[in-house]
């Protein structure tokens, strides 16, 4: 006699075998978190993330924390968390490489369909994760957080405003907070962009110029509870230098003559007009040029223009430029 319980077990298997498309695959979310000397923040962050994903039952998840060469007990705390829940994964660098390196390696090992980045200092609110997922479901490829109300030191707050204003002006991307650590990406975005130097600040720029749709939502921001900020004036300067790098490598990498040729032509034209004016004065009004510093300025600008155009031509000859990817030395890898 046929057992009804066996029938109940067989039917789902038959459905899975003959109608595989009917089985809806669960979407996986990877949370990538760089951490440097954040031992006091890690466990509260672990607890908050667990609460958030316990409510998002329709999503599978993993959390990848990159210990960026911490000199405190961060790695020990992470190992204890890992013992409690193996969905929390650890990558530990041998030394401090910086946030861009941590994100680059985190993106490499993330297995989720959606990838969320956030800072480990508890200033980013894990409760914003459902809002980020909801926004990206509207059709965006990258959604960046906007810390509209910030709880940062005065210098950091207003230097960030200047940085965001200049970046938006030069790149043409109308978002308010390029450097917010709280972002969500589709996996194809993280696979298509390279992160190095201080480039983590410009991930929306890189994504936009690679043809991805970039959005923004307002997120909550909290004062730092533990430790001290890693922000410094040198990072601010490096950020602007990297902005110049991005503008060149994305807009003019394959057409350097468009940049150098334009600058060179303007220099040459200015110098030529100056010297033409002086030559007319000499020819028709008999004015001597030996005591005219403008003559030498015009000659200098003409020479600079020719040299700048020559640089652009040399750049055109180096059409296929490859960016060297730094090899980061990983001390611990628990995935």
Protein backbone atom coordinates (compact mmCIF):
# COMPACT_ATOMS: atom_id res chain seq x y z
CA UNK A 1 0.00 0.00 0.00
CA UNK A 2 1.33 3.45 -0.98
CA UNK A 3 2.36 5.56 2.04
CA UNK A 4 0.90 9.09 1.95
CA UNK A 5 3.96 10.50 3.73
CA UNK A 6 6.24 9.24 0.95
CA UNK A 7 3.95 10.89 -1.58
CA UNK A 8 4.36 14.23 0.21
CA UNK A 9 8.16 13.89 0.01
CA UNK A 10 8.19 12.82 -3.65
CA UNK A 11 6.01 15.64 -5.06
CA UNK A 12 8.39 18.54 -4.16
CA UNK A 13 11.32 16.58 -5.62
CA UNK A 14 9.44 15.98 -8.88
CA UNK A 15 8.54 19.66 -9.10
CA UNK A 16 12.14 20.64 -8.58
CA UNK A 17 13.34 18.18 -11.20
CA UNK A 18 10.82 18.82 -13.98
CA UNK A 19 9.99 22.48 -13.22
CA UNK A 20 13.28 24.01 -12.04
CA UNK A 21 12.25 27.56 -13.00
CA UNK A 22 9.31 27.37 -10.64
CA UNK A 23 11.75 27.28 -7.72
CA UNK A 24 12.50 30.92 -6.88
CA UNK A 25 16.13 31.42 -5.92
CA UNK A 26 16.70 33.32 -2.71
CA UNK A 27 18.57 36.61 -3.22
CA UNK A 28 21.84 36.80 -1.32
CA UNK A 29 23.19 39.98 0.27
CA UNK A 30 26.87 40.47 1.11
CA UNK A 31 27.79 43.14 3.64
CA UNK A 32 31.41 44.28 3.23
CA UNK A 33 32.86 46.17 6.21
CA UNK A 34 36.43 47.55 6.42
CA UNK A 35 37.61 47.80 10.02
CA UNK A 36 40.74 49.35 11.51
CA UNK A 37 41.17 49.40 15.30
CA UNK A 38 37.43 49.11 16.02
CA UNK A 39 37.46 46.41 18.73
CA UNK A 40 34.76 48.11 20.84
CA UNK A 41 32.39 48.66 17.92
CA UNK A 42 32.48 45.20 16.35
CA UNK A 43 30.24 43.27 18.73
CA UNK A 44 27.47 45.93 18.87
CA UNK A 45 27.64 46.04 15.07
CA UNK A 46 27.34 42.23 14.94
CA UNK A 47 24.24 42.36 17.14
CA UNK A 48 22.58 45.11 15.07
CA UNK A 49 23.24 43.31 11.78
CA UNK A 50 21.76 40.08 13.15
CA UNK A 51 18.60 41.94 14.17
CA UNK A 52 18.22 43.51 10.73
CA UNK A 53 18.64 40.26 8.79
CA UNK A 54 16.40 38.33 11.17
CA UNK A 55 13.63 40.60 9.89
CA UNK A 56 14.73 40.23 6.25
CA UNK A 57 13.94 36.53 6.17
CA UNK A 58 13.52 36.47 2.39
CA UNK A 59 17.23 37.25 1.92
CA UNK A 60 20.24 35.01 2.45
CA UNK A 61 23.22 36.96 3.77
CA UNK A 62 26.88 36.99 4.65
CA UNK A 63 29.01 39.63 6.38
CA UNK A 64 32.64 40.02 5.31
CA UNK A 65 34.71 42.09 7.71
CA UNK A 66 38.15 43.13 6.48
CA UNK A 67 40.54 43.75 9.36
CA UNK A 68 42.85 46.33 7.81
CA UNK A 69 45.95 45.51 9.85
CA UNK A 70 44.46 46.51 13.22
CA UNK A 71 46.88 46.85 16.13
CA UNK A 72 44.23 46.41 18.84
CA UNK A 73 42.12 43.32 19.66
CA UNK A 74 39.84 43.64 16.63
CA UNK A 75 40.93 40.31 15.15
CA UNK A 76 40.31 38.48 18.43
CA UNK A 77 36.80 39.96 18.67
CA UNK A 78 36.13 38.95 15.06
CA UNK A 79 37.28 35.38 15.71
CA UNK A 80 34.89 35.16 18.68
CA UNK A 81 32.02 36.45 16.52
CA UNK A 82 32.93 33.95 13.80
CA UNK A 83 32.62 31.09 16.31
CA UNK A 84 29.07 32.19 17.10
CA UNK A 85 27.94 32.61 13.48
CA UNK A 86 29.90 31.40 10.45
CA UNK A 87 27.99 33.79 8.19
CA UNK A 88 30.36 36.42 9.59
CA UNK A 89 33.56 36.00 7.60
CA UNK A 90 37.01 37.43 8.27
CA UNK A 91 39.74 38.74 6.03
CA UNK A 92 42.74 40.16 7.90
CA UNK A 93 45.56 42.11 6.27
CA UNK A 94 49.16 41.76 7.44
CA UNK A 95 49.39 45.56 7.66
CA UNK A 96 47.23 48.63 7.12
CA UNK A 97 46.58 49.16 3.40
CA UNK A 98 43.64 51.57 3.59
CA UNK A 99 39.93 51.51 2.89
CA UNK A 100 40.19 51.12 -0.89
CA UNK A 101 42.29 47.97 -0.52
CA UNK A 102 39.84 46.54 2.01
CA UNK A 103 36.86 47.18 -0.26
CA UNK A 104 38.68 45.76 -3.28
CA UNK A 105 39.38 42.46 -1.52
CA UNK A 106 35.90 42.41 0.04
CA UNK A 107 34.32 42.79 -3.42
CA UNK A 108 36.52 39.98 -4.71
CA UNK A 109 35.31 37.46 -2.12
CA UNK A 110 31.68 38.61 -1.84
CA UNK A 111 29.25 36.05 -3.23
CA UNK A 112 26.02 38.04 -2.91
CA UNK A 113 23.77 39.34 -5.67
CA UNK A 114 23.64 42.64 -3.79
CA UNK A 115 26.66 44.05 -1.98
CA UNK A 116 26.35 46.57 0.83
CA UNK A 117 29.30 48.52 2.21
CA UNK A 118 29.36 50.29 5.54
CA UNK A 119 31.85 51.49 8.14
CA UNK A 120 32.57 49.58 11.34
CA UNK A 121 32.47 52.57 13.70
CA UNK A 122 28.67 52.44 14.29
CA UNK A 123 28.15 55.84 12.63
CA UNK A 124 26.37 54.03 9.78
CA UNK A 125 23.02 52.56 10.83
CA UNK A 126 22.43 48.90 9.82
CA UNK A 127 18.68 49.64 9.98
CA UNK A 128 19.10 51.55 6.71
CA UNK A 129 19.83 48.26 4.87
CA UNK A 130 16.13 47.55 4.04
CA UNK A 131 15.81 51.11 2.68
CA UNK A 132 18.87 50.62 0.46
CA UNK A 133 17.47 47.33 -0.88
CA UNK A 134 14.09 48.96 -1.53
CA UNK A 135 15.75 51.81 -3.45
CA UNK A 136 17.93 49.57 -5.62
CA UNK A 137 14.82 47.55 -6.51
CA UNK A 138 13.58 50.68 -8.29
CA UNK A 139 16.09 49.91 -11.04
CA UNK A 140 19.33 51.46 -9.80
CA UNK A 141 22.70 49.68 -10.00
CA UNK A 142 24.30 51.64 -7.16
CA UNK A 143 22.62 53.58 -4.37
CA UNK A 144 24.70 55.85 -2.17
CA UNK A 145 23.75 57.10 1.26
CA UNK A 146 23.50 60.83 1.93
CA UNK A 147 24.40 61.87 5.48
CA UNK A 148 22.25 64.99 5.32
CA UNK A 149 22.64 65.59 9.05
CA UNK A 150 26.21 64.76 10.07
CA UNK A 151 27.78 64.23 13.48
CA UNK A 152 31.43 64.75 12.62
CA UNK A 153 34.13 67.17 13.80
CA UNK A 154 33.87 70.66 12.31
CA UNK A 155 36.86 70.34 9.96
CA UNK A 156 35.77 66.95 8.62
CA UNK A 157 32.18 68.10 8.10
CA UNK A 158 32.97 71.23 6.10
CA UNK A 159 35.93 69.81 4.18
CA UNK A 160 33.59 66.99 3.10
CA UNK A 161 31.03 69.54 1.88
CA UNK A 162 33.73 71.27 -0.18
CA UNK A 163 34.94 67.93 -1.50
CA UNK A 164 31.42 66.84 -2.50
CA UNK A 165 30.69 70.19 -4.18
CA UNK A 166 33.89 70.13 -6.26
CA UNK A 167 33.42 66.45 -7.20
CA UNK A 168 29.82 66.99 -8.31
CA UNK A 169 30.88 70.08 -10.30
CA UNK A 170 33.74 68.34 -12.12
CA UNK A 171 32.04 64.99 -12.74
CA UNK A 172 28.50 66.16 -13.46
CA UNK A 173 26.99 63.57 -11.10
CA UNK A 174 24.26 65.12 -8.97
CA UNK A 175 24.57 63.36 -5.64
CA UNK A 176 25.34 65.03 -2.33
CA UNK A 177 27.66 62.61 -0.52
CA UNK A 178 30.23 60.72 -2.57
CA UNK A 179 32.19 59.55 0.46
CA UNK A 180 29.36 58.03 2.51
CA UNK A 181 30.44 54.53 3.50
CA UNK A 182 26.86 53.21 3.37
CA UNK A 183 26.16 52.08 -0.20
CA UNK A 184 24.53 49.19 -2.04
CA UNK A 185 25.71 47.75 -5.37
CA UNK A 186 24.59 45.12 -7.79
CA UNK A 187 27.30 42.49 -8.13
CA UNK A 188 28.05 43.41 -11.75
CA UNK A 189 29.03 46.93 -10.59
CA UNK A 190 31.67 45.71 -8.14
CA UNK A 191 33.01 43.31 -10.75
CA UNK A 192 33.50 46.05 -13.33
CA UNK A 193 35.32 48.74 -11.31
CA UNK A 194 38.85 48.76 -9.87
CA UNK A 195 39.41 50.25 -6.42
CA UNK A 196 42.87 51.47 -5.39
CA UNK A 197 44.55 54.51 -3.79
CA UNK A 198 41.75 56.63 -2.33
CA UNK A 199 39.34 55.65 -5.12
CA UNK A 200 36.69 54.39 -2.70
CA UNK A 201 35.50 58.01 -2.55
CA UNK A 202 34.66 57.93 -6.25
CA UNK A 203 32.86 54.62 -6.69
CA UNK A 204 29.64 56.39 -7.80
CA UNK A 205 31.71 58.27 -10.39
CA UNK A 206 33.35 55.11 -11.70
CA UNK A 207 30.00 53.31 -11.82
CA UNK A 208 28.28 56.20 -13.60
CA UNK A 209 31.00 56.45 -16.25
CA UNK A 210 30.78 52.70 -16.79
CA UNK A 211 27.14 53.10 -17.75
CA UNK A 212 25.47 52.09 -14.46
CA UNK A 213 22.52 53.94 -12.97
CA UNK A 214 23.39 55.72 -9.71
CA UNK A 215 20.89 56.83 -7.06
CA UNK A 216 20.91 58.30 -3.56
CA UNK A 217 18.84 58.19 -0.36
CA UNK A 218 19.08 60.11 2.88
CA UNK A 219 20.47 57.93 5.70
CA UNK A 220 20.85 58.43 9.42
CA UNK A 221 24.27 59.25 10.80
CA UNK A 222 25.38 58.91 14.42
CA UNK A 223 28.22 60.36 16.48
CA UNK A 224 31.22 58.06 16.95
CA UNK A 225 30.79 56.02 20.14
CA UNK A 226 34.26 54.52 20.48
CA UNK A 227 37.80 55.21 19.34
CA UNK A 228 38.83 58.15 17.19
CA UNK A 229 38.32 59.20 13.61
CA UNK A 230 40.82 58.07 10.97
CA UNK A 231 40.30 61.27 8.97
CA UNK A 232 43.31 63.51 8.35
CA UNK A 233 44.37 66.41 6.14
CA UNK A 234 46.60 64.10 4.08
CA UNK A 235 43.57 61.99 3.11
CA UNK A 236 41.76 65.12 1.98
CA UNK A 237 44.68 66.07 -0.29
CA UNK A 238 45.03 62.52 -1.63
CA UNK A 239 41.32 62.49 -2.38
CA UNK A 240 41.59 65.51 -4.67
CA UNK A 241 44.67 64.10 -6.38
CA UNK A 242 42.75 60.89 -7.02
CA UNK A 243 39.89 62.98 -8.43
CA UNK A 244 42.30 64.35 -11.04
CA UNK A 245 43.43 60.78 -11.76
CA UNK A 246 39.86 59.60 -12.24
CA UNK A 247 38.95 62.53 -14.49
CA UNK A 248 41.93 61.73 -16.70
CA UNK A 249 41.73 57.93 -16.73
CA UNK A 250 37.98 57.80 -17.34
CA UNK A 251 37.41 60.74 -19.68
CA UNK A 252 40.73 61.08 -21.47
CA UNK A 253 42.53 57.73 -21.15
CA UNK A 254 41.69 56.78 -24.71
CA UNK A 255 41.81 60.34 -26.05
CA UNK A 256 44.58 62.22 -24.15
CA UNK A 257 45.06 64.64 -27.04
CA UNK A 258 41.57 66.01 -26.35
CA UNK A 259 42.79 67.19 -22.93
CA UNK A 260 46.40 68.15 -23.63
CA UNK A 261 45.58 69.41 -27.13
CA UNK A 262 42.92 71.79 -25.81
CA UNK A 263 45.21 73.16 -23.08
CA UNK A 264 48.15 73.37 -25.48
CA UNK A 265 46.11 75.14 -28.15
CA UNK A 266 44.85 77.76 -25.65
CA UNK A 267 48.41 78.42 -24.42
CA UNK A 268 49.74 78.65 -27.97
CA UNK A 269 46.90 80.93 -29.10
CA UNK A 270 47.34 83.27 -26.11
CA UNK A 271 51.09 83.54 -26.70
CA UNK A 272 50.61 84.03 -30.43
CA UNK A 273 48.09 86.87 -29.95
CA UNK A 274 50.37 88.62 -27.46
CA UNK A 275 53.34 88.49 -29.81
CA UNK A 276 51.16 89.45 -32.79
CA UNK A 277 50.00 92.57 -30.95
CA UNK A 278 53.59 93.51 -30.10
CA UNK A 279 54.72 92.84 -33.67
CA UNK A 280 52.01 95.23 -34.99
CA UNK A 281 53.13 97.93 -32.56
CA UNK A 282 56.76 97.47 -33.69
CA UNK A 283 55.91 97.46 -37.43
CA UNK A 284 53.41 100.32 -37.58
CA UNK A 285 54.17 102.49 -34.55
CA UNK A 286 57.94 102.03 -34.23
CA UNK A 287 57.83 100.83 -30.61
CA UNK A 288 60.90 98.96 -29.43
CA UNK A 289 60.48 95.42 -28.11
CA UNK A 290 63.73 95.09 -26.15
CA UNK A 291 62.15 96.45 -22.98
CA UNK A 292 58.82 94.63 -23.34
CA UNK A 293 58.52 91.63 -20.93
CA UNK A 294 55.24 90.73 -22.66
CA UNK A 295 57.28 89.59 -25.66
CA UNK A 296 59.00 86.90 -23.58
CA UNK A 297 55.72 85.91 -21.99
CA UNK A 298 54.21 85.38 -25.43
CA UNK A 299 57.19 83.28 -26.55
CA UNK A 300 57.00 81.22 -23.34
CA UNK A 301 53.28 80.52 -23.83
CA UNK A 302 53.85 79.46 -27.44
CA UNK A 303 56.58 77.02 -26.37
CA UNK A 304 54.44 75.65 -23.53
CA UNK A 305 51.56 75.19 -25.94
CA UNK A 306 53.68 73.24 -28.40
CA UNK A 307 55.10 71.06 -25.60
CA UNK A 308 51.64 70.36 -24.15
CA UNK A 309 50.30 69.32 -27.55
CA UNK A 310 53.36 67.07 -27.96
CA UNK A 311 52.55 65.40 -24.61
CA UNK A 312 49.04 64.74 -25.88
CA UNK A 313 50.40 63.18 -29.06
CA UNK A 314 52.71 60.91 -27.05
CA UNK A 315 49.71 59.95 -24.89
CA UNK A 316 47.77 59.03 -28.03
CA UNK A 317 50.60 56.67 -28.95
CA UNK A 318 50.24 54.94 -25.57
CA UNK A 319 46.64 53.96 -26.25
CA UNK A 320 46.47 50.77 -24.23
CA UNK A 321 47.39 51.62 -20.71
CA UNK A 322 47.04 48.93 -18.02
CA UNK A 323 46.64 49.73 -14.35
CA UNK A 324 48.89 47.62 -12.14
CA UNK A 325 46.88 45.93 -9.39
CA UNK A 326 48.68 45.85 -6.04
CA UNK A 327 49.08 42.46 -4.38
CA UNK A 328 47.70 42.69 -0.84
CA UNK A 329 49.19 40.26 1.67
CA UNK A 330 46.39 38.56 3.60
CA UNK A 331 47.27 37.16 7.02
CA UNK A 332 43.96 35.43 7.82
CA UNK A 333 41.22 34.30 5.43
CA UNK A 334 38.14 32.64 6.93
CA UNK A 335 35.27 32.38 4.44
